[in-house]
């Protein structure tokens, strides 16, 4: 198991960002990574800050599915909730992973308030601009339906994404 992975995260309208993350768990069905210091801009769901620059994120990458689930935090480590990113199938080659974002995301706050789908407008704009094609649109809508089914059955977030919190991820990496 490599100590860290380089995730080449492609967003069709913004190019590629490379994230270097530590590999916490490596199974065929799920890979868990820890990003200790998020270097992007603050992220919001509506007017609620859900991820701040400098914050840690625990990611649950499902290679066979069209989604990743992140446990988001603020810079001080406060857990804010689960962010589900819908994406094209991930390609894993050793410590290099390549994935393409498909715009649509889901936010489920830690405080128990209802979850919401985010970035529908970005998905529609990408579709109109021809950045994603009909097969990708069908795939993202099918994945959205699967997540909605899990939400309706109270089986969301995935059990492992509830079980491995920030401290558990850090303990798993401790020497």
N, C-alpha and C. Protein backbone atom coordinates (compact mmCIF):
# COMPACT_ATOMS: atom_id res chain seq x y z
N UNK A 1 0.85 -1.18 0.00
CA UNK A 1 0.00 0.00 0.00
C UNK A 1 0.90 1.24 0.00
N UNK A 2 0.73 2.13 -1.00
CA UNK A 2 1.54 3.35 -1.01
C UNK A 2 1.18 4.23 0.19
N UNK A 3 2.16 4.97 0.69
CA UNK A 3 1.93 5.85 1.83
C UNK A 3 1.04 7.03 1.45
N UNK A 4 1.18 7.49 0.22
CA UNK A 4 0.35 8.59 -0.25
C UNK A 4 -0.01 8.36 -1.70
N UNK A 5 -1.05 9.08 -2.14
CA UNK A 5 -1.50 8.99 -3.52
C UNK A 5 -1.59 10.40 -4.09
N UNK A 6 -1.44 10.47 -5.40
CA UNK A 6 -1.58 11.73 -6.13
C UNK A 6 -2.87 11.64 -6.93
N UNK A 7 -3.83 12.45 -6.54
CA UNK A 7 -5.13 12.42 -7.20
C UNK A 7 -5.19 13.57 -8.20
N UNK A 8 -5.27 13.21 -9.48
CA UNK A 8 -5.41 14.19 -10.56
C UNK A 8 -6.91 14.38 -10.75
N UNK A 9 -7.39 15.47 -10.22
CA UNK A 9 -8.83 15.74 -10.19
C UNK A 9 -9.16 16.73 -11.30
N UNK A 10 -9.84 16.23 -12.32
CA UNK A 10 -10.15 17.05 -13.49
C UNK A 10 -11.57 17.58 -13.41
N UNK A 11 -11.69 18.85 -13.58
CA UNK A 11 -13.00 19.50 -13.68
C UNK A 11 -13.07 20.11 -15.07
N UNK A 12 -13.97 19.63 -15.94
CA UNK A 12 -13.95 20.05 -17.35
C UNK A 12 -13.95 21.56 -17.58
N UNK A 13 -14.51 22.33 -16.67
CA UNK A 13 -14.53 23.78 -16.87
C UNK A 13 -13.40 24.52 -16.14
N UNK A 14 -12.56 23.79 -15.39
CA UNK A 14 -11.51 24.44 -14.60
C UNK A 14 -10.14 23.81 -14.72
N UNK A 15 -10.01 22.73 -15.45
CA UNK A 15 -8.71 22.08 -15.58
C UNK A 15 -8.49 21.03 -14.50
N UNK A 16 -7.22 20.72 -14.25
CA UNK A 16 -6.86 19.63 -13.34
C UNK A 16 -6.12 20.18 -12.13
N UNK A 17 -6.51 19.69 -10.97
CA UNK A 17 -5.83 19.99 -9.71
C UNK A 17 -5.27 18.68 -9.18
N UNK A 18 -4.05 18.72 -8.65
CA UNK A 18 -3.45 17.52 -8.08
C UNK A 18 -3.46 17.64 -6.57
N UNK A 19 -4.05 16.63 -5.93
CA UNK A 19 -4.09 16.55 -4.47
C UNK A 19 -3.19 15.40 -4.04
N UNK A 20 -2.33 15.65 -3.08
CA UNK A 20 -1.52 14.58 -2.50
C UNK A 20 -2.14 14.26 -1.15
N UNK A 21 -2.59 13.01 -1.02
CA UNK A 21 -3.30 12.59 0.18
C UNK A 21 -2.70 11.30 0.72
N UNK A 22 -2.80 11.12 2.02
CA UNK A 22 -2.29 9.91 2.65
C UNK A 22 -3.35 8.81 2.58
N UNK A 23 -2.91 7.62 2.23
CA UNK A 23 -3.82 6.49 2.09
C UNK A 23 -4.01 5.82 3.45
N UNK A 24 -5.24 5.85 3.93
CA UNK A 24 -5.60 5.32 5.24
C UNK A 24 -6.03 3.86 5.14
N UNK A 25 -6.80 3.54 4.11
CA UNK A 25 -7.36 2.20 3.92
C UNK A 25 -7.41 1.92 2.43
N UNK A 26 -6.99 0.71 2.05
CA UNK A 26 -6.94 0.35 0.63
C UNK A 26 -7.62 -1.00 0.44
N UNK A 27 -8.91 -0.96 0.08
CA UNK A 27 -9.67 -2.17 -0.22
C UNK A 27 -10.17 -2.07 -1.66
N UNK A 28 -10.51 -3.19 -2.29
CA UNK A 28 -11.03 -3.12 -3.66
C UNK A 28 -12.30 -2.29 -3.79
N UNK A 29 -13.17 -2.33 -2.77
CA UNK A 29 -14.46 -1.63 -2.84
C UNK A 29 -14.41 -0.19 -2.36
N UNK A 30 -13.42 0.16 -1.55
CA UNK A 30 -13.32 1.53 -1.03
C UNK A 30 -11.88 1.83 -0.66
N UNK A 31 -11.50 3.05 -0.91
CA UNK A 31 -10.18 3.56 -0.52
C UNK A 31 -10.44 4.79 0.33
N UNK A 32 -9.74 4.90 1.44
CA UNK A 32 -9.92 6.04 2.33
C UNK A 32 -8.62 6.83 2.35
N UNK A 33 -8.74 8.13 2.13
CA UNK A 33 -7.57 9.00 2.16
C UNK A 33 -7.78 10.13 3.15
N UNK A 34 -6.67 10.71 3.57
CA UNK A 34 -6.71 11.87 4.46
C UNK A 34 -5.93 13.01 3.82
N UNK A 35 -6.62 14.11 3.64
CA UNK A 35 -6.01 15.36 3.20
C UNK A 35 -5.97 16.25 4.43
N UNK A 36 -4.78 16.47 4.97
CA UNK A 36 -4.67 17.22 6.23
C UNK A 36 -4.87 18.72 6.07
N UNK A 37 -4.59 19.25 4.89
CA UNK A 37 -4.58 20.70 4.72
C UNK A 37 -5.18 21.08 3.36
N UNK A 38 -6.48 21.23 3.32
CA UNK A 38 -7.17 21.61 2.09
C UNK A 38 -6.70 22.99 1.65
N UNK A 39 -6.23 23.09 0.42
CA UNK A 39 -5.64 24.33 -0.08
C UNK A 39 -6.56 25.15 -0.99
N UNK A 40 -7.80 24.74 -1.11
CA UNK A 40 -8.73 25.48 -1.96
C UNK A 40 -9.40 26.62 -1.21
N UNK A 41 -10.36 27.21 -1.89
CA UNK A 41 -11.11 28.31 -1.26
C UNK A 41 -12.19 27.72 -0.35
N UNK A 42 -12.66 28.52 0.58
CA UNK A 42 -13.74 28.08 1.47
C UNK A 42 -14.92 27.59 0.64
N UNK A 43 -15.59 26.54 1.12
CA UNK A 43 -16.74 25.98 0.43
C UNK A 43 -17.99 26.19 1.27
N UNK A 44 -19.07 26.48 0.59
CA UNK A 44 -20.35 26.76 1.24
C UNK A 44 -21.45 25.90 0.64
N UNK A 45 -22.44 25.58 1.47
CA UNK A 45 -23.72 25.04 1.01
C UNK A 45 -24.73 26.10 1.39
N UNK A 46 -25.20 26.84 0.40
CA UNK A 46 -26.01 28.02 0.68
C UNK A 46 -25.13 29.05 1.37
N UNK A 47 -25.53 29.51 2.54
CA UNK A 47 -24.71 30.47 3.28
C UNK A 47 -23.91 29.81 4.41
N UNK A 48 -23.94 28.49 4.48
CA UNK A 48 -23.26 27.75 5.54
C UNK A 48 -21.86 27.34 5.10
N UNK A 49 -20.85 27.73 5.89
CA UNK A 49 -19.48 27.30 5.63
C UNK A 49 -19.37 25.81 5.95
N UNK A 50 -18.94 25.01 4.95
CA UNK A 50 -18.86 23.57 5.16
C UNK A 50 -17.42 23.05 5.11
N UNK A 51 -16.51 23.81 4.52
CA UNK A 51 -15.10 23.42 4.43
C UNK A 51 -14.28 24.70 4.34
N UNK A 52 -13.33 24.84 5.24
CA UNK A 52 -12.49 26.05 5.20
C UNK A 52 -11.08 25.70 4.73
N UNK A 53 -10.47 26.68 4.10
CA UNK A 53 -9.08 26.53 3.68
C UNK A 53 -8.24 26.15 4.89
N UNK A 54 -7.35 25.18 4.71
CA UNK A 54 -6.51 24.71 5.80
C UNK A 54 -7.12 23.59 6.63
N UNK A 55 -8.34 23.18 6.28
CA UNK A 55 -9.04 22.15 7.05
C UNK A 55 -8.68 20.75 6.56
N UNK A 56 -8.84 19.76 7.42
CA UNK A 56 -8.65 18.36 7.00
C UNK A 56 -9.92 17.81 6.35
N UNK A 57 -9.73 16.84 5.46
CA UNK A 57 -10.85 16.12 4.82
C UNK A 57 -10.49 14.64 4.80
N UNK A 58 -11.43 13.80 5.20
CA UNK A 58 -11.30 12.35 5.05
C UNK A 58 -12.17 11.98 3.86
N UNK A 59 -11.54 11.36 2.83
CA UNK A 59 -12.26 10.99 1.61
C UNK A 59 -12.47 9.48 1.54
N UNK A 60 -13.65 9.08 1.11
CA UNK A 60 -14.01 7.69 0.89
C UNK A 60 -14.25 7.55 -0.61
N UNK A 61 -13.33 6.89 -1.29
CA UNK A 61 -13.36 6.77 -2.74
C UNK A 61 -13.86 5.37 -3.09
N UNK A 62 -14.94 5.32 -3.84
CA UNK A 62 -15.54 4.05 -4.23
C UNK A 62 -15.22 3.80 -5.71
N UNK A 63 -14.17 3.00 -5.99
CA UNK A 63 -13.71 2.83 -7.37
C UNK A 63 -14.76 2.31 -8.33
N UNK A 64 -15.66 1.47 -7.86
CA UNK A 64 -16.65 0.86 -8.76
C UNK A 64 -17.92 1.69 -8.90
N UNK A 65 -18.00 2.78 -8.16
CA UNK A 65 -19.18 3.65 -8.18
C UNK A 65 -18.81 5.02 -8.75
N UNK A 66 -19.79 5.81 -9.03
CA UNK A 66 -19.55 7.15 -9.56
C UNK A 66 -19.61 8.21 -8.49
N UNK A 67 -18.98 7.92 -7.33
CA UNK A 67 -19.04 8.89 -6.23
C UNK A 67 -17.84 8.76 -5.30
N UNK A 68 -17.58 9.85 -4.63
CA UNK A 68 -16.66 9.91 -3.49
C UNK A 68 -17.44 10.60 -2.39
N UNK A 69 -17.16 10.26 -1.14
CA UNK A 69 -17.79 10.92 0.00
C UNK A 69 -16.70 11.50 0.87
N UNK A 70 -16.81 12.79 1.15
CA UNK A 70 -15.84 13.45 2.02
C UNK A 70 -16.44 13.84 3.35
N UNK A 71 -15.68 13.58 4.42
CA UNK A 71 -16.05 14.10 5.74
C UNK A 71 -15.40 15.47 5.83
N UNK A 72 -16.20 16.52 5.77
CA UNK A 72 -15.69 17.89 5.74
C UNK A 72 -15.55 18.47 7.15
N UNK A 73 -14.59 19.37 7.26
CA UNK A 73 -14.29 20.01 8.55
C UNK A 73 -13.99 21.48 8.34
N UNK A 74 -13.97 22.19 9.45
CA UNK A 74 -13.43 23.54 9.46
C UNK A 74 -11.96 23.46 9.83
N UNK A 75 -11.27 24.56 9.72
CA UNK A 75 -9.83 24.59 10.01
C UNK A 75 -9.51 24.07 11.41
N UNK A 76 -10.40 24.32 12.37
CA UNK A 76 -10.14 23.88 13.76
C UNK A 76 -10.47 22.40 13.98
N UNK A 77 -10.89 21.70 12.91
CA UNK A 77 -11.21 20.28 13.01
C UNK A 77 -12.67 19.98 13.27
N UNK A 78 -13.51 21.00 13.43
CA UNK A 78 -14.93 20.78 13.65
C UNK A 78 -15.54 20.07 12.44
N UNK A 79 -16.18 18.94 12.68
CA UNK A 79 -16.84 18.17 11.63
C UNK A 79 -18.11 18.89 11.22
N UNK A 80 -18.30 19.12 9.91
CA UNK A 80 -19.48 19.84 9.43
C UNK A 80 -20.49 18.94 8.72
N UNK A 81 -20.03 17.83 8.11
CA UNK A 81 -20.97 16.94 7.43
C UNK A 81 -20.31 16.16 6.31
N UNK A 82 -21.15 15.50 5.52
CA UNK A 82 -20.68 14.63 4.43
C UNK A 82 -20.98 15.28 3.08
N UNK A 83 -19.95 15.37 2.27
CA UNK A 83 -20.05 15.95 0.94
C UNK A 83 -19.86 14.82 -0.06
N UNK A 84 -20.87 14.60 -0.89
CA UNK A 84 -20.79 13.54 -1.90
C UNK A 84 -20.55 14.17 -3.25
N UNK A 85 -19.47 13.76 -3.87
CA UNK A 85 -19.06 14.27 -5.16
C UNK A 85 -19.36 13.20 -6.22
N UNK A 86 -20.17 13.55 -7.22
CA UNK A 86 -20.44 12.61 -8.29
C UNK A 86 -19.40 12.82 -9.38
N UNK A 87 -18.88 11.68 -9.90
CA UNK A 87 -17.76 11.75 -10.84
C UNK A 87 -17.82 10.59 -11.82
N UNK A 88 -16.99 10.70 -12.86
CA UNK A 88 -16.82 9.60 -13.80
C UNK A 88 -16.00 8.51 -13.11
N UNK A 89 -15.98 7.29 -13.67
CA UNK A 89 -15.17 6.23 -13.06
C UNK A 89 -13.72 6.68 -12.85
N UNK A 90 -13.19 6.32 -11.70
CA UNK A 90 -11.82 6.69 -11.36
C UNK A 90 -10.85 5.68 -11.97
N UNK A 91 -9.71 6.18 -12.41
CA UNK A 91 -8.65 5.30 -12.91
C UNK A 91 -7.52 5.32 -11.88
N UNK A 92 -7.16 4.12 -11.40
CA UNK A 92 -6.12 4.00 -10.39
C UNK A 92 -4.95 3.24 -10.98
N UNK A 93 -3.78 3.87 -10.96
CA UNK A 93 -2.55 3.25 -11.44
C UNK A 93 -1.49 3.46 -10.37
N UNK A 94 -1.40 2.50 -9.44
CA UNK A 94 -0.47 2.63 -8.33
C UNK A 94 -0.84 3.81 -7.46
N UNK A 95 0.11 4.74 -7.32
CA UNK A 95 -0.16 5.90 -6.46
C UNK A 95 -0.72 7.09 -7.25
N UNK A 96 -1.03 6.91 -8.52
CA UNK A 96 -1.66 7.99 -9.29
C UNK A 96 -3.10 7.61 -9.60
N UNK A 97 -4.00 8.49 -9.20
CA UNK A 97 -5.42 8.30 -9.44
C UNK A 97 -5.90 9.45 -10.32
N UNK A 98 -6.75 9.14 -11.29
CA UNK A 98 -7.31 10.16 -12.18
C UNK A 98 -8.83 10.09 -12.14
N UNK A 99 -9.45 11.24 -11.94
CA UNK A 99 -10.90 11.28 -11.95
C UNK A 99 -11.41 12.57 -12.56
N UNK A 100 -12.63 12.51 -13.07
CA UNK A 100 -13.27 13.67 -13.68
C UNK A 100 -14.56 13.97 -12.95
N UNK A 101 -14.66 15.18 -12.46
CA UNK A 101 -15.84 15.66 -11.75
C UNK A 101 -17.02 15.79 -12.72
N UNK A 102 -18.20 15.41 -12.28
CA UNK A 102 -19.40 15.55 -13.11
C UNK A 102 -20.37 16.58 -12.52
N UNK A 103 -19.83 17.53 -11.78
CA UNK A 103 -20.51 18.76 -11.34
C UNK A 103 -21.50 18.59 -10.20
N UNK A 104 -22.33 17.57 -10.20
CA UNK A 104 -23.39 17.46 -9.21
C UNK A 104 -22.85 16.90 -7.89
N UNK A 105 -23.26 17.51 -6.79
CA UNK A 105 -22.79 17.13 -5.46
C UNK A 105 -23.97 17.09 -4.49
N UNK A 106 -23.78 16.38 -3.39
CA UNK A 106 -24.79 16.34 -2.34
C UNK A 106 -24.15 16.72 -1.01
N UNK A 107 -24.86 17.50 -0.21
CA UNK A 107 -24.39 17.91 1.10
C UNK A 107 -25.36 17.40 2.16
N UNK A 108 -24.80 16.70 3.18
CA UNK A 108 -25.58 16.22 4.31
C UNK A 108 -24.94 16.77 5.58
N UNK A 109 -25.57 17.77 6.20
CA UNK A 109 -24.98 18.38 7.39
C UNK A 109 -24.89 17.43 8.58
N UNK A 110 -23.85 17.62 9.38
CA UNK A 110 -23.64 16.80 10.58
C UNK A 110 -24.70 17.04 11.64
N UNK A 111 -25.36 18.19 11.60
CA UNK A 111 -26.33 18.54 12.65
C UNK A 111 -27.69 17.86 12.47
N UNK A 112 -27.82 17.00 11.45
CA UNK A 112 -29.06 16.27 11.26
C UNK A 112 -30.08 16.98 10.38
N UNK A 113 -29.80 18.20 9.95
CA UNK A 113 -30.74 18.87 9.06
C UNK A 113 -30.72 18.19 7.69
N UNK A 114 -31.76 18.39 6.90
CA UNK A 114 -31.88 17.67 5.63
C UNK A 114 -30.73 17.96 4.67
N UNK A 115 -30.41 16.95 3.88
CA UNK A 115 -29.39 17.10 2.86
C UNK A 115 -29.94 17.83 1.64
N UNK A 116 -29.03 18.33 0.81
CA UNK A 116 -29.42 19.05 -0.40
C UNK A 116 -28.48 18.69 -1.55
N UNK A 117 -29.02 18.68 -2.75
CA UNK A 117 -28.19 18.54 -3.95
C UNK A 117 -27.66 19.92 -4.30
N UNK A 118 -26.39 19.96 -4.66
CA UNK A 118 -25.72 21.21 -4.99
C UNK A 118 -25.29 21.21 -6.45
N UNK A 119 -25.21 22.37 -7.02
CA UNK A 119 -24.59 22.61 -8.33
C UNK A 119 -25.39 22.07 -9.51
N UNK A 120 -26.71 21.97 -9.37
CA UNK A 120 -27.56 21.61 -10.52
C UNK A 120 -27.32 22.60 -11.66
N UNK A 121 -27.18 23.89 -11.29
CA UNK A 121 -26.97 24.91 -12.32
C UNK A 121 -25.65 24.70 -13.05
N UNK A 122 -24.61 24.25 -12.34
CA UNK A 122 -23.33 23.98 -12.99
C UNK A 122 -23.43 22.78 -13.93
N UNK A 123 -24.17 21.76 -13.52
CA UNK A 123 -24.38 20.59 -14.39
C UNK A 123 -25.12 21.01 -15.66
N UNK A 124 -26.16 21.82 -15.51
CA UNK A 124 -26.91 22.29 -16.68
C UNK A 124 -26.04 23.14 -17.59
N UNK A 125 -25.23 24.02 -17.02
CA UNK A 125 -24.34 24.86 -17.84
C UNK A 125 -23.30 24.01 -18.57
N UNK A 126 -22.75 23.02 -17.89
CA UNK A 126 -21.76 22.13 -18.52
C UNK A 126 -22.40 21.33 -19.65
N UNK A 127 -23.63 20.94 -19.46
CA UNK A 127 -24.35 20.21 -20.49
C UNK A 127 -24.57 21.10 -21.71
N UNK A 128 -25.06 22.33 -21.48
CA UNK A 128 -25.29 23.27 -22.59
C UNK A 128 -24.00 23.59 -23.33
N UNK A 129 -22.88 23.69 -22.59
CA UNK A 129 -21.59 24.04 -23.19
C UNK A 129 -20.92 22.84 -23.86
N UNK A 130 -21.51 21.66 -23.74
CA UNK A 130 -20.93 20.47 -24.35
C UNK A 130 -19.71 19.93 -23.61
N UNK A 131 -19.56 20.31 -22.34
CA UNK A 131 -18.41 19.83 -21.55
C UNK A 131 -18.58 18.38 -21.12
N UNK A 132 -19.83 17.94 -21.03
CA UNK A 132 -20.11 16.54 -20.75
C UNK A 132 -21.18 16.07 -21.73
N UNK A 133 -21.09 14.81 -22.09
CA UNK A 133 -22.00 14.26 -23.09
C UNK A 133 -23.16 13.51 -22.50
N UNK A 134 -24.04 13.01 -23.37
CA UNK A 134 -25.24 12.30 -22.91
C UNK A 134 -24.95 11.09 -22.03
N UNK A 135 -23.89 10.33 -22.33
CA UNK A 135 -23.58 9.16 -21.49
C UNK A 135 -23.19 9.58 -20.08
N UNK A 136 -22.41 10.66 -19.96
CA UNK A 136 -22.02 11.15 -18.64
C UNK A 136 -23.23 11.71 -17.89
N UNK A 137 -24.11 12.39 -18.59
CA UNK A 137 -25.31 12.92 -17.95
C UNK A 137 -26.17 11.77 -17.43
N UNK A 138 -26.34 10.73 -18.25
CA UNK A 138 -27.10 9.55 -17.80
C UNK A 138 -26.44 8.92 -16.58
N UNK A 139 -25.12 8.82 -16.58
CA UNK A 139 -24.39 8.21 -15.46
C UNK A 139 -24.56 9.03 -14.18
N UNK A 140 -24.45 10.35 -14.29
CA UNK A 140 -24.57 11.18 -13.09
C UNK A 140 -26.00 11.15 -12.55
N UNK A 141 -27.00 11.11 -13.42
CA UNK A 141 -28.39 11.04 -12.95
C UNK A 141 -28.68 9.67 -12.32
N UNK A 142 -28.10 8.62 -12.86
CA UNK A 142 -28.28 7.28 -12.27
C UNK A 142 -27.62 7.23 -10.89
N UNK A 143 -26.45 7.81 -10.75
CA UNK A 143 -25.77 7.83 -9.45
C UNK A 143 -26.56 8.69 -8.46
N UNK A 144 -27.10 9.80 -8.92
CA UNK A 144 -27.94 10.64 -8.07
C UNK A 144 -29.15 9.83 -7.57
N UNK A 145 -29.77 9.06 -8.43
CA UNK A 145 -30.91 8.24 -8.03
C UNK A 145 -30.51 7.20 -6.99
N UNK A 146 -29.32 6.60 -7.14
CA UNK A 146 -28.85 5.61 -6.15
C UNK A 146 -28.64 6.28 -4.78
N UNK A 147 -28.04 7.46 -4.78
CA UNK A 147 -27.84 8.18 -3.51
C UNK A 147 -29.19 8.54 -2.90
N UNK A 148 -30.13 9.03 -3.73
CA UNK A 148 -31.46 9.36 -3.22
C UNK A 148 -32.14 8.15 -2.59
N UNK A 149 -31.98 6.98 -3.20
CA UNK A 149 -32.57 5.75 -2.65
C UNK A 149 -31.97 5.44 -1.28
N UNK A 150 -30.65 5.59 -1.16
CA UNK A 150 -29.98 5.34 0.13
C UNK A 150 -30.42 6.37 1.18
N UNK A 151 -30.55 7.61 0.77
CA UNK A 151 -31.02 8.65 1.69
C UNK A 151 -32.44 8.34 2.19
N UNK A 152 -33.33 7.98 1.27
CA UNK A 152 -34.72 7.69 1.63
C UNK A 152 -34.83 6.51 2.58
N UNK A 153 -33.88 5.56 2.46
CA UNK A 153 -33.89 4.38 3.32
C UNK A 153 -33.08 4.58 4.60
N UNK A 154 -32.63 5.82 4.84
CA UNK A 154 -31.81 6.14 6.02
C UNK A 154 -30.54 5.31 6.07
N UNK A 155 -29.95 5.06 4.89
CA UNK A 155 -28.68 4.33 4.80
C UNK A 155 -27.57 5.21 4.25
N UNK A 156 -27.71 6.49 4.51
CA UNK A 156 -26.70 7.44 4.02
C UNK A 156 -26.29 8.31 5.17
N UNK A 157 -25.05 8.58 5.37
CA UNK A 157 -23.90 8.24 4.55
C UNK A 157 -23.56 6.75 4.64
N UNK A 158 -22.70 6.27 3.73
CA UNK A 158 -22.29 4.86 3.80
C UNK A 158 -21.70 4.55 5.19
N UNK A 159 -21.91 3.34 5.70
CA UNK A 159 -21.46 3.01 7.06
C UNK A 159 -20.00 3.33 7.34
N UNK A 160 -19.11 3.02 6.41
CA UNK A 160 -17.69 3.29 6.66
C UNK A 160 -17.41 4.78 6.80
N UNK A 161 -18.16 5.60 6.04
CA UNK A 161 -17.97 7.06 6.12
C UNK A 161 -18.46 7.61 7.46
N UNK A 162 -19.29 6.86 8.14
CA UNK A 162 -19.68 7.23 9.50
C UNK A 162 -18.69 6.69 10.52
N UNK A 163 -18.13 5.52 10.24
CA UNK A 163 -17.26 4.83 11.20
C UNK A 163 -15.86 5.44 11.29
N UNK A 164 -15.31 5.86 10.17
CA UNK A 164 -13.95 6.41 10.18
C UNK A 164 -14.02 7.92 10.18
N UNK A 165 -13.89 8.49 11.37
CA UNK A 165 -13.87 9.94 11.48
C UNK A 165 -12.43 10.44 11.38
N UNK A 166 -12.23 11.73 11.57
CA UNK A 166 -10.91 12.33 11.42
C UNK A 166 -9.90 11.71 12.39
N UNK A 167 -10.29 11.53 13.62
CA UNK A 167 -9.35 10.98 14.61
C UNK A 167 -9.00 9.52 14.28
N UNK A 168 -9.99 8.75 13.83
CA UNK A 168 -9.71 7.35 13.46
C UNK A 168 -8.77 7.29 12.27
N UNK A 169 -8.94 8.18 11.31
CA UNK A 169 -8.04 8.22 10.15
C UNK A 169 -6.62 8.57 10.60
N UNK A 170 -6.50 9.55 11.47
CA UNK A 170 -5.17 9.93 11.97
C UNK A 170 -4.54 8.79 12.77
N UNK A 171 -5.32 8.11 13.59
CA UNK A 171 -4.78 6.97 14.36
C UNK A 171 -4.29 5.86 13.42
N UNK A 172 -5.04 5.63 12.36
CA UNK A 172 -4.64 4.56 11.42
C UNK A 172 -3.31 4.86 10.75
N UNK A 173 -2.95 6.12 10.67
CA UNK A 173 -1.69 6.53 10.03
C UNK A 173 -0.55 6.70 11.01
N UNK A 174 -0.86 6.67 12.30
CA UNK A 174 0.18 6.88 13.32
C UNK A 174 1.19 5.74 13.28
N UNK A 175 2.48 6.05 13.49
CA UNK A 175 3.51 4.99 13.48
C UNK A 175 3.34 4.02 14.63
